[in-house]
Amino acid sequence: MNLIIMLIVGGILGWLASMIMRTDGQQGILLNVVVGVVGAILAGYLLTPLLGGAPITSGAFDIKSLAVSLLGAVVLLGIVNLVRRGSVR
């Protein structure tokens, strides 16, 4: 059940990150889910220990973990845009 919730929340966070980075028209729902989940995993392991709290991958769906996961998805999209186009956007 936790995997299904993670995919749904990851999809929503990936969609929000693509709206922030203005790349929503270039990617579909599958890439939104991938960006959201990978961004949440990376941010959960890198940023959450520094800020304190539990990562979203452990099942903690509070405001702090969701914000850190959204930040991770935005940073991941910025890195992808930098590699793909040469600019963050």
PDB file of N, CA and C in Angstrom:
ATOM      1  N   MET A   1       0.821  -1.193   0.000  1.00  0.00           N
ATOM      2  CA  MET A   1       0.000   0.000   0.000  1.00  0.00           C
ATOM      3  C   MET A   1       0.866   1.257   0.000  1.00  0.00           C
ATOM      4  N   ASN A   2       2.014   1.198   0.693  1.00  0.00           N
ATOM      5  CA  ASN A   2       2.904   2.340   0.766  1.00  0.00           C
ATOM      6  C   ASN A   2       3.462   2.686  -0.614  1.00  0.00           C
ATOM      7  N   LEU A   3       3.699   1.685  -1.463  1.00  0.00           N
ATOM      8  CA  LEU A   3       4.208   1.927  -2.811  1.00  0.00           C
ATOM      9  C   LEU A   3       3.187   2.686  -3.652  1.00  0.00           C
ATOM     10  N   ILE A   4       1.930   2.349  -3.534  1.00  0.00           N
ATOM     11  CA  ILE A   4       0.875   3.028  -4.295  1.00  0.00           C
ATOM     12  C   ILE A   4       0.761   4.484  -3.851  1.00  0.00           C
ATOM     13  N   ILE A   5       0.794   4.714  -2.570  1.00  0.00           N
ATOM     14  CA  ILE A   5       0.730   6.090  -2.052  1.00  0.00           C
ATOM     15  C   ILE A   5       1.957   6.872  -2.500  1.00  0.00           C
ATOM     16  N   MET A   6       3.119   6.228  -2.484  1.00  0.00           N
ATOM     17  CA  MET A   6       4.352   6.889  -2.926  1.00  0.00           C
ATOM     18  C   MET A   6       4.271   7.274  -4.402  1.00  0.00           C
ATOM     19  N   LEU A   7       3.707   6.421  -5.233  1.00  0.00           N
ATOM     20  CA  LEU A   7       3.557   6.735  -6.656  1.00  0.00           C
ATOM     21  C   LEU A   7       2.576   7.881  -6.881  1.00  0.00           C
ATOM     22  N   ILE A   8       1.495   7.891  -6.129  1.00  0.00           N
ATOM     23  CA  ILE A   8       0.510   8.963  -6.276  1.00  0.00           C
ATOM     24  C   ILE A   8       1.085  10.293  -5.813  1.00  0.00           C
ATOM     25  N   VAL A   9       1.701  10.296  -4.633  1.00  0.00           N
ATOM     26  CA  VAL A   9       2.299  11.528  -4.111  1.00  0.00           C
ATOM     27  C   VAL A   9       3.467  11.969  -4.996  1.00  0.00           C
ATOM     28  N   GLY A  10       4.264  11.019  -5.480  1.00  0.00           N
ATOM     29  CA  GLY A  10       5.358  11.336  -6.389  1.00  0.00           C
ATOM     30  C   GLY A  10       4.862  11.939  -7.686  1.00  0.00           C
ATOM     31  N   GLY A  11       3.753  11.443  -8.197  1.00  0.00           N
ATOM     32  CA  GLY A  11       3.167  12.016  -9.408  1.00  0.00           C
ATOM     33  C   GLY A  11       2.697  13.440  -9.197  1.00  0.00           C
ATOM     34  N   ILE A  12       2.076  13.686  -8.070  1.00  0.00           N
ATOM     35  CA  ILE A  12       1.608  15.043  -7.761  1.00  0.00           C
ATOM     36  C   ILE A  12       2.797  15.985  -7.568  1.00  0.00           C
ATOM     37  N   LEU A  13       3.819  15.538  -6.837  1.00  0.00           N
ATOM     38  CA  LEU A  13       4.996  16.372  -6.626  1.00  0.00           C
ATOM     39  C   LEU A  13       5.753  16.605  -7.929  1.00  0.00           C
ATOM     40  N   GLY A  14       5.843  15.590  -8.779  1.00  0.00           N
ATOM     41  CA  GLY A  14       6.489  15.759 -10.085  1.00  0.00           C
ATOM     42  C   GLY A  14       5.727  16.727 -10.966  1.00  0.00           C
ATOM     43  N   TRP A  15       4.406  16.681 -10.911  1.00  0.00           N
ATOM     44  CA  TRP A  15       3.591  17.615 -11.690  1.00  0.00           C
ATOM     45  C   TRP A  15       3.775  19.040 -11.177  1.00  0.00           C
ATOM     46  N   LEU A  16       3.784  19.215  -9.849  1.00  0.00           N
ATOM     47  CA  LEU A  16       4.009  20.548  -9.281  1.00  0.00           C
ATOM     48  C   LEU A  16       5.403  21.071  -9.633  1.00  0.00           C
ATOM     49  N   ALA A  17       6.399  20.192  -9.585  1.00  0.00           N
ATOM     50  CA  ALA A  17       7.759  20.608  -9.937  1.00  0.00           C
ATOM     51  C   ALA A  17       7.841  21.001 -11.406  1.00  0.00           C
ATOM     52  N   SER A  18       7.152  20.280 -12.268  1.00  0.00           N
ATOM     53  CA  SER A  18       7.176  20.641 -13.693  1.00  0.00           C
ATOM     54  C   SER A  18       6.426  21.938 -13.950  1.00  0.00           C
ATOM     55  N   MET A  19       5.421  22.231 -13.142  1.00  0.00           N
ATOM     56  CA  MET A  19       4.733  23.522 -13.262  1.00  0.00           C
ATOM     57  C   MET A  19       5.646  24.657 -12.796  1.00  0.00           C
ATOM     58  N   ILE A  20       6.407  24.436 -11.734  1.00  0.00           N
ATOM     59  CA  ILE A  20       7.333  25.446 -11.232  1.00  0.00           C
ATOM     60  C   ILE A  20       8.446  25.706 -12.246  1.00  0.00           C
ATOM     61  N   MET A  21       8.962  24.643 -12.848  1.00  0.00           N
ATOM     62  CA  MET A  21      10.069  24.776 -13.798  1.00  0.00           C
ATOM     63  C   MET A  21       9.593  25.046 -15.232  1.00  0.00           C
ATOM     64  N   ARG A  22       8.310  25.141 -15.427  1.00  0.00           N
ATOM     65  CA  ARG A  22       7.689  25.392 -16.734  1.00  0.00           C
ATOM     66  C   ARG A  22       8.087  24.360 -17.790  1.00  0.00           C
ATOM     67  N   THR A  23       8.081  23.103 -17.417  1.00  0.00           N
ATOM     68  CA  THR A  23       8.352  22.015 -18.363  1.00  0.00           C
ATOM     69  C   THR A  23       7.165  21.072 -18.476  1.00  0.00           C
ATOM     70  N   ASP A  24       5.996  21.505 -18.049  1.00  0.00           N
ATOM     71  CA  ASP A  24       4.836  20.617 -18.006  1.00  0.00           C
ATOM     72  C   ASP A  24       4.399  20.178 -19.396  1.00  0.00           C
ATOM     73  N   GLY A  25       4.510  21.041 -20.401  1.00  0.00           N
ATOM     74  CA  GLY A  25       4.088  20.692 -21.747  1.00  0.00           C
ATOM     75  C   GLY A  25       5.010  19.701 -22.427  1.00  0.00           C
ATOM     76  N   GLN A  26       6.216  19.521 -21.922  1.00  0.00           N
ATOM     77  CA  GLN A  26       7.203  18.665 -22.556  1.00  0.00           C
ATOM     78  C   GLN A  26       7.205  17.247 -22.016  1.00  0.00           C
ATOM     79  N   GLN A  27       6.560  17.014 -20.903  1.00  0.00           N
ATOM     80  CA  GLN A  27       6.596  15.688 -20.300  1.00  0.00           C
ATOM     81  C   GLN A  27       5.195  15.222 -19.970  1.00  0.00           C
ATOM     82  N   GLY A  28       5.022  13.931 -19.997  1.00  0.00           N
ATOM     83  CA  GLY A  28       3.725  13.356 -19.711  1.00  0.00           C
ATOM     84  C   GLY A  28       3.608  12.935 -18.265  1.00  0.00           C
ATOM     85  N   ILE A  29       2.551  12.204 -17.989  1.00  0.00           N
ATOM     86  CA  ILE A  29       2.273  11.793 -16.617  1.00  0.00           C
ATOM     87  C   ILE A  29       3.312  10.798 -16.099  1.00  0.00           C
ATOM     88  N   LEU A  30       3.819   9.942 -16.977  1.00  0.00           N
ATOM     89  CA  LEU A  30       4.814   8.965 -16.545  1.00  0.00           C
ATOM     90  C   LEU A  30       6.107   9.650 -16.107  1.00  0.00           C
ATOM     91  N   LEU A  31       6.553  10.635 -16.864  1.00  0.00           N
ATOM     92  CA  LEU A  31       7.768  11.355 -16.480  1.00  0.00           C
ATOM     93  C   LEU A  31       7.541  12.194 -15.235  1.00  0.00           C
ATOM     94  N   ASN A  32       6.324  12.708 -15.039  1.00  0.00           N
ATOM     95  CA  ASN A  32       6.006  13.418 -13.798  1.00  0.00           C
ATOM     96  C   ASN A  32       6.157  12.502 -12.592  1.00  0.00           C
ATOM     97  N   VAL A  33       5.669  11.278 -12.704  1.00  0.00           N
ATOM     98  CA  VAL A  33       5.776  10.319 -11.602  1.00  0.00           C
ATOM     99  C   VAL A  33       7.237   9.976 -11.347  1.00  0.00           C
ATOM    100  N   VAL A  34       8.001   9.737 -12.414  1.00  0.00           N
ATOM    101  CA  VAL A  34       9.410   9.382 -12.264  1.00  0.00           C
ATOM    102  C   VAL A  34      10.184  10.521 -11.604  1.00  0.00           C
ATOM    103  N   VAL A  35       9.975  11.749 -12.080  1.00  0.00           N
ATOM    104  CA  VAL A  35      10.675  12.904 -11.513  1.00  0.00           C
ATOM    105  C   VAL A  35      10.282  13.096 -10.051  1.00  0.00           C
ATOM    106  N   GLY A  36       9.011  12.950  -9.737  1.00  0.00           N
ATOM    107  CA  GLY A  36       8.563  13.119  -8.360  1.00  0.00           C
ATOM    108  C   GLY A  36       9.128  12.080  -7.421  1.00  0.00           C
ATOM    109  N   VAL A  37       9.122  10.831  -7.839  1.00  0.00           N
ATOM    110  CA  VAL A  37       9.610   9.752  -6.980  1.00  0.00           C
ATOM    111  C   VAL A  37      11.126   9.824  -6.834  1.00  0.00           C
ATOM    112  N   VAL A  38      11.847  10.007  -7.944  1.00  0.00           N
ATOM    113  CA  VAL A  38      13.313  10.080  -7.867  1.00  0.00           C
ATOM    114  C   VAL A  38      13.742  11.322  -7.088  1.00  0.00           C
ATOM    115  N   GLY A  39      13.082  12.440  -7.317  1.00  0.00           N
ATOM    116  CA  GLY A  39      13.383  13.652  -6.558  1.00  0.00           C
ATOM    117  C   GLY A  39      13.111  13.478  -5.076  1.00  0.00           C
ATOM    118  N   ALA A  40      12.029  12.780  -4.744  1.00  0.00           N
ATOM    119  CA  ALA A  40      11.710  12.524  -3.336  1.00  0.00           C
ATOM    120  C   ALA A  40      12.733  11.600  -2.692  1.00  0.00           C
ATOM    121  N   ILE A  41      13.186  10.615  -3.430  1.00  0.00           N
ATOM    122  CA  ILE A  41      14.182   9.686  -2.884  1.00  0.00           C
ATOM    123  C   ILE A  41      15.508  10.400  -2.657  1.00  0.00           C
ATOM    124  N   LEU A  42      15.953  11.159  -3.662  1.00  0.00           N
ATOM    125  CA  LEU A  42      17.217  11.879  -3.524  1.00  0.00           C
ATOM    126  C   LEU A  42      17.165  12.907  -2.399  1.00  0.00           C
ATOM    127  N   ALA A  43      16.104  13.677  -2.359  1.00  0.00           N
ATOM    128  CA  ALA A  43      15.973  14.682  -1.304  1.00  0.00           C
ATOM    129  C   ALA A  43      15.809  14.022   0.061  1.00  0.00           C
ATOM    130  N   GLY A  44      15.128  12.893   0.103  1.00  0.00           N
ATOM    131  CA  GLY A  44      14.945  12.194   1.369  1.00  0.00           C
ATOM    132  C   GLY A  44      16.246  11.697   1.963  1.00  0.00           C
ATOM    133  N   TYR A  45      17.139  11.258   1.103  1.00  0.00           N
ATOM    134  CA  TYR A  45      18.411  10.752   1.610  1.00  0.00           C
ATOM    135  C   TYR A  45      19.466  11.836   1.783  1.00  0.00           C
ATOM    136  N   LEU A  46      19.369  12.940   1.045  1.00  0.00           N
ATOM    137  CA  LEU A  46      20.392  13.981   1.117  1.00  0.00           C
ATOM    138  C   LEU A  46      19.997  15.150   2.013  1.00  0.00           C
ATOM    139  N   LEU A  47      18.774  15.649   1.891  1.00  0.00           N
ATOM    140  CA  LEU A  47      18.379  16.860   2.595  1.00  0.00           C
ATOM    141  C   LEU A  47      17.675  16.612   3.926  1.00  0.00           C
ATOM    142  N   THR A  48      16.888  15.581   4.018  1.00  0.00           N
ATOM    143  CA  THR A  48      16.116  15.348   5.233  1.00  0.00           C
ATOM    144  C   THR A  48      16.995  15.118   6.464  1.00  0.00           C
ATOM    145  N   PRO A  49      18.105  14.375   6.376  1.00  0.00           N
ATOM    146  CA  PRO A  49      18.954  14.252   7.574  1.00  0.00           C
ATOM    147  C   PRO A  49      19.547  15.585   8.029  1.00  0.00           C
ATOM    148  N   LEU A  50      19.800  16.484   7.092  1.00  0.00           N
ATOM    149  CA  LEU A  50      20.345  17.788   7.460  1.00  0.00           C
ATOM    150  C   LEU A  50      19.308  18.662   8.145  1.00  0.00           C
ATOM    151  N   LEU A  51      18.052  18.547   7.709  1.00  0.00           N
ATOM    152  CA  LEU A  51      16.982  19.378   8.254  1.00  0.00           C
ATOM    153  C   LEU A  51      16.262  18.732   9.426  1.00  0.00           C
ATOM    154  N   GLY A  52      16.462  17.452   9.602  1.00  0.00           N
ATOM    155  CA  GLY A  52      15.758  16.731  10.659  1.00  0.00           C
ATOM    156  C   GLY A  52      14.383  16.304  10.169  1.00  0.00           C
ATOM    157  N   GLY A  53      13.949  15.177  10.605  1.00  0.00           N
ATOM    158  CA  GLY A  53      12.655  14.665  10.183  1.00  0.00           C
ATOM    159  C   GLY A  53      12.810  13.347   9.457  1.00  0.00           C
ATOM    160  N   ALA A  54      11.702  12.852   8.972  1.00  0.00           N
ATOM    161  CA  ALA A  54      11.687  11.568   8.284  1.00  0.00           C
ATOM    162  C   ALA A  54      11.506  11.781   6.783  1.00  0.00           C
ATOM    163  N   PRO A  55      12.160  10.965   5.965  1.00  0.00           N
ATOM    164  CA  PRO A  55      11.954  11.085   4.522  1.00  0.00           C
ATOM    165  C   PRO A  55      10.588  10.554   4.103  1.00  0.00           C
ATOM    166  N   ILE A  56      10.139  11.005   2.965  1.00  0.00           N
ATOM    167  CA  ILE A  56       8.830  10.602   2.472  1.00  0.00           C
ATOM    168  C   ILE A  56       8.809   9.109   2.123  1.00  0.00           C
ATOM    169  N   THR A  57       9.981   8.547   1.817  1.00  0.00           N
ATOM    170  CA  THR A  57      10.041   7.129   1.481  1.00  0.00           C
ATOM    171  C   THR A  57       9.774   6.227   2.678  1.00  0.00           C
ATOM    172  N   SER A  58       9.871   6.769   3.883  1.00  0.00           N
ATOM    173  CA  SER A  58       9.566   5.970   5.074  1.00  0.00           C
ATOM    174  C   SER A  58       8.084   6.017   5.433  1.00  0.00           C
ATOM    175  N   GLY A  59       7.320   6.780   4.670  1.00  0.00           N
ATOM    176  CA  GLY A  59       5.887   6.863   4.918  1.00  0.00           C
ATOM    177  C   GLY A  59       5.465   8.100   5.663  1.00  0.00           C
ATOM    178  N   ALA A  60       6.371   9.015   5.914  1.00  0.00           N
ATOM    179  CA  ALA A  60       6.043  10.256   6.616  1.00  0.00           C
ATOM    180  C   ALA A  60       5.547  11.283   5.602  1.00  0.00           C
ATOM    181  N   PHE A  61       4.277  11.616   5.671  1.00  0.00           N
ATOM    182  CA  PHE A  61       3.688  12.564   4.735  1.00  0.00           C
ATOM    183  C   PHE A  61       3.293  13.839   5.464  1.00  0.00           C
ATOM    184  N   ASP A  62       4.264  14.476   6.110  1.00  0.00           N
ATOM    185  CA  ASP A  62       3.988  15.754   6.744  1.00  0.00           C
ATOM    186  C   ASP A  62       4.461  16.883   5.825  1.00  0.00           C
ATOM    187  N   ILE A  63       4.209  18.104   6.225  1.00  0.00           N
ATOM    188  CA  ILE A  63       4.511  19.262   5.386  1.00  0.00           C
ATOM    189  C   ILE A  63       6.009  19.364   5.115  1.00  0.00           C
ATOM    190  N   LYS A  64       6.819  19.099   6.126  1.00  0.00           N
ATOM    191  CA  LYS A  64       8.268  19.219   5.960  1.00  0.00           C
ATOM    192  C   LYS A  64       8.805  18.215   4.942  1.00  0.00           C
ATOM    193  N   SER A  65       8.383  16.971   5.037  1.00  0.00           N
ATOM    194  CA  SER A  65       8.882  15.960   4.107  1.00  0.00           C
ATOM    195  C   SER A  65       8.347  16.186   2.694  1.00  0.00           C
ATOM    196  N   LEU A  66       7.116  16.670   2.572  1.00  0.00           N
ATOM    197  CA  LEU A  66       6.579  16.967   1.246  1.00  0.00           C
ATOM    198  C   LEU A  66       7.299  18.154   0.610  1.00  0.00           C
ATOM    199  N   ALA A  67       7.616  19.169   1.398  1.00  0.00           N
ATOM    200  CA  ALA A  67       8.333  20.334   0.868  1.00  0.00           C
ATOM    201  C   ALA A  67       9.745  19.956   0.438  1.00  0.00           C
ATOM    202  N   VAL A  68      10.418  19.129   1.222  1.00  0.00           N
ATOM    203  CA  VAL A  68      11.761  18.694   0.859  1.00  0.00           C
ATOM    204  C   VAL A  68      11.710  17.832  -0.403  1.00  0.00           C
ATOM    205  N   SER A  69      10.713  16.995  -0.536  1.00  0.00           N
ATOM    206  CA  SER A  69      10.573  16.161  -1.720  1.00  0.00           C
ATOM    207  C   SER A  69      10.271  17.005  -2.956  1.00  0.00           C
ATOM    208  N   LEU A  70       9.448  18.035  -2.796  1.00  0.00           N
ATOM    209  CA  LEU A  70       9.171  18.943  -3.909  1.00  0.00           C
ATOM    210  C   LEU A  70      10.447  19.679  -4.318  1.00  0.00           C
ATOM    211  N   LEU A  71      11.227  20.110  -3.342  1.00  0.00           N
ATOM    212  CA  LEU A  71      12.499  20.765  -3.633  1.00  0.00           C
ATOM    213  C   LEU A  71      13.436  19.820  -4.380  1.00  0.00           C
ATOM    214  N   GLY A  72      13.468  18.573  -3.981  1.00  0.00           N
ATOM    215  CA  GLY A  72      14.292  17.581  -4.674  1.00  0.00           C
ATOM    216  C   GLY A  72      13.851  17.370  -6.109  1.00  0.00           C
ATOM    217  N   ALA A  73      12.539  17.350  -6.358  1.00  0.00           N
ATOM    218  CA  ALA A  73      12.031  17.190  -7.713  1.00  0.00           C
ATOM    219  C   ALA A  73      12.359  18.412  -8.572  1.00  0.00           C
ATOM    220  N   VAL A  74      12.275  19.614  -8.000  1.00  0.00           N
ATOM    221  CA  VAL A  74      12.604  20.837  -8.736  1.00  0.00           C
ATOM    222  C   VAL A  74      14.093  20.851  -9.091  1.00  0.00           C
ATOM    223  N   VAL A  75      14.939  20.481  -8.135  1.00  0.00           N
ATOM    224  CA  VAL A  75      16.377  20.436  -8.401  1.00  0.00           C
ATOM    225  C   VAL A  75      16.691  19.383  -9.463  1.00  0.00           C
ATOM    226  N   LEU A  76      16.033  18.237  -9.390  1.00  0.00           N
ATOM    227  CA  LEU A  76      16.239  17.194 -10.386  1.00  0.00           C
ATOM    228  C   LEU A  76      15.832  17.680 -11.772  1.00  0.00           C
ATOM    229  N   LEU A  77      14.712  18.367 -11.882  1.00  0.00           N
ATOM    230  CA  LEU A  77      14.300  18.917 -13.178  1.00  0.00           C
ATOM    231  C   LEU A  77      15.285  19.973 -13.668  1.00  0.00           C
ATOM    232  N   GLY A  78      15.819  20.776 -12.768  1.00  0.00           N
ATOM    233  CA  GLY A  78      16.825  21.759 -13.154  1.00  0.00           C
ATOM    234  C   GLY A  78      18.071  21.092 -13.708  1.00  0.00           C
ATOM    235  N   ILE A  79      18.508  20.016 -13.082  1.00  0.00           N
ATOM    236  CA  ILE A  79      19.680  19.283 -13.556  1.00  0.00           C
ATOM    237  C   ILE A  79      19.400  18.649 -14.916  1.00  0.00           C
ATOM    238  N   VAL A  80      18.219  18.068 -15.080  1.00  0.00           N
ATOM    239  CA  VAL A  80      17.851  17.459 -16.366  1.00  0.00           C
ATOM    240  C   VAL A  80      17.813  18.525 -17.459  1.00  0.00           C
ATOM    241  N   ASN A  81      17.240  19.695 -17.172  1.00  0.00           N
ATOM    242  CA  ASN A  81      17.198  20.770 -18.163  1.00  0.00           C
ATOM    243  C   ASN A  81      18.600  21.269 -18.487  1.00  0.00           C
ATOM    244  N   LEU A  82      19.456  21.344 -17.500  1.00  0.00           N
ATOM    245  CA  LEU A  82      20.825  21.800 -17.719  1.00  0.00           C
ATOM    246  C   LEU A  82      21.583  20.837 -18.631  1.00  0.00           C
ATOM    247  N   VAL A  83      21.410  19.551 -18.417  1.00  0.00           N
ATOM    248  CA  VAL A  83      22.082  18.558 -19.244  1.00  0.00           C
ATOM    249  C   VAL A  83      21.477  18.514 -20.643  1.00  0.00           C
ATOM    250  N   ARG A  84      20.168  18.591 -20.721  1.00  0.00           N
ATOM    251  CA  ARG A  84      19.495  18.462 -22.006  1.00  0.00           C
ATOM    252  C   ARG A  84      19.665  19.690 -22.887  1.00  0.00           C
ATOM    253  N   ARG A  85      19.516  20.881 -22.325  1.00  0.00           N
ATOM    254  CA  ARG A  85      19.520  22.105 -23.122  1.00  0.00           C
ATOM    255  C   ARG A  85      20.697  23.030 -22.868  1.00  0.00           C
ATOM    256  N   GLY A  86      21.373  22.852 -21.802  1.00  0.00           N
ATOM    257  CA  GLY A  86      22.473  23.741 -21.465  1.00  0.00           C
ATOM    258  C   GLY A  86      22.054  24.929 -20.625  1.00  0.00           C
ATOM    259  N   SER A  87      20.764  24.998 -20.240  1.00  0.00           N
ATOM    260  CA  SER A  87      20.290  26.066 -19.350  1.00  0.00           C
ATOM    261  C   SER A  87      19.259  25.488 -18.404  1.00  0.00           C
ATOM    262  N   VAL A  88      19.215  26.062 -17.215  1.00  0.00           N
ATOM    263  CA  VAL A  88      18.270  25.565 -16.207  1.00  0.00           C
ATOM    264  C   VAL A  88      16.850  25.945 -16.577  1.00  0.00           C
ATOM    265  N   ARG A  89      16.669  27.130 -17.130  1.00  0.00           N
ATOM    266  CA  ARG A  89      15.395  27.689 -17.615  1.00  0.00           C
ATOM    267  C   ARG A  89      14.872  28.683 -16.659  1.00  0.00           C
TER     268      ARG A  89
END
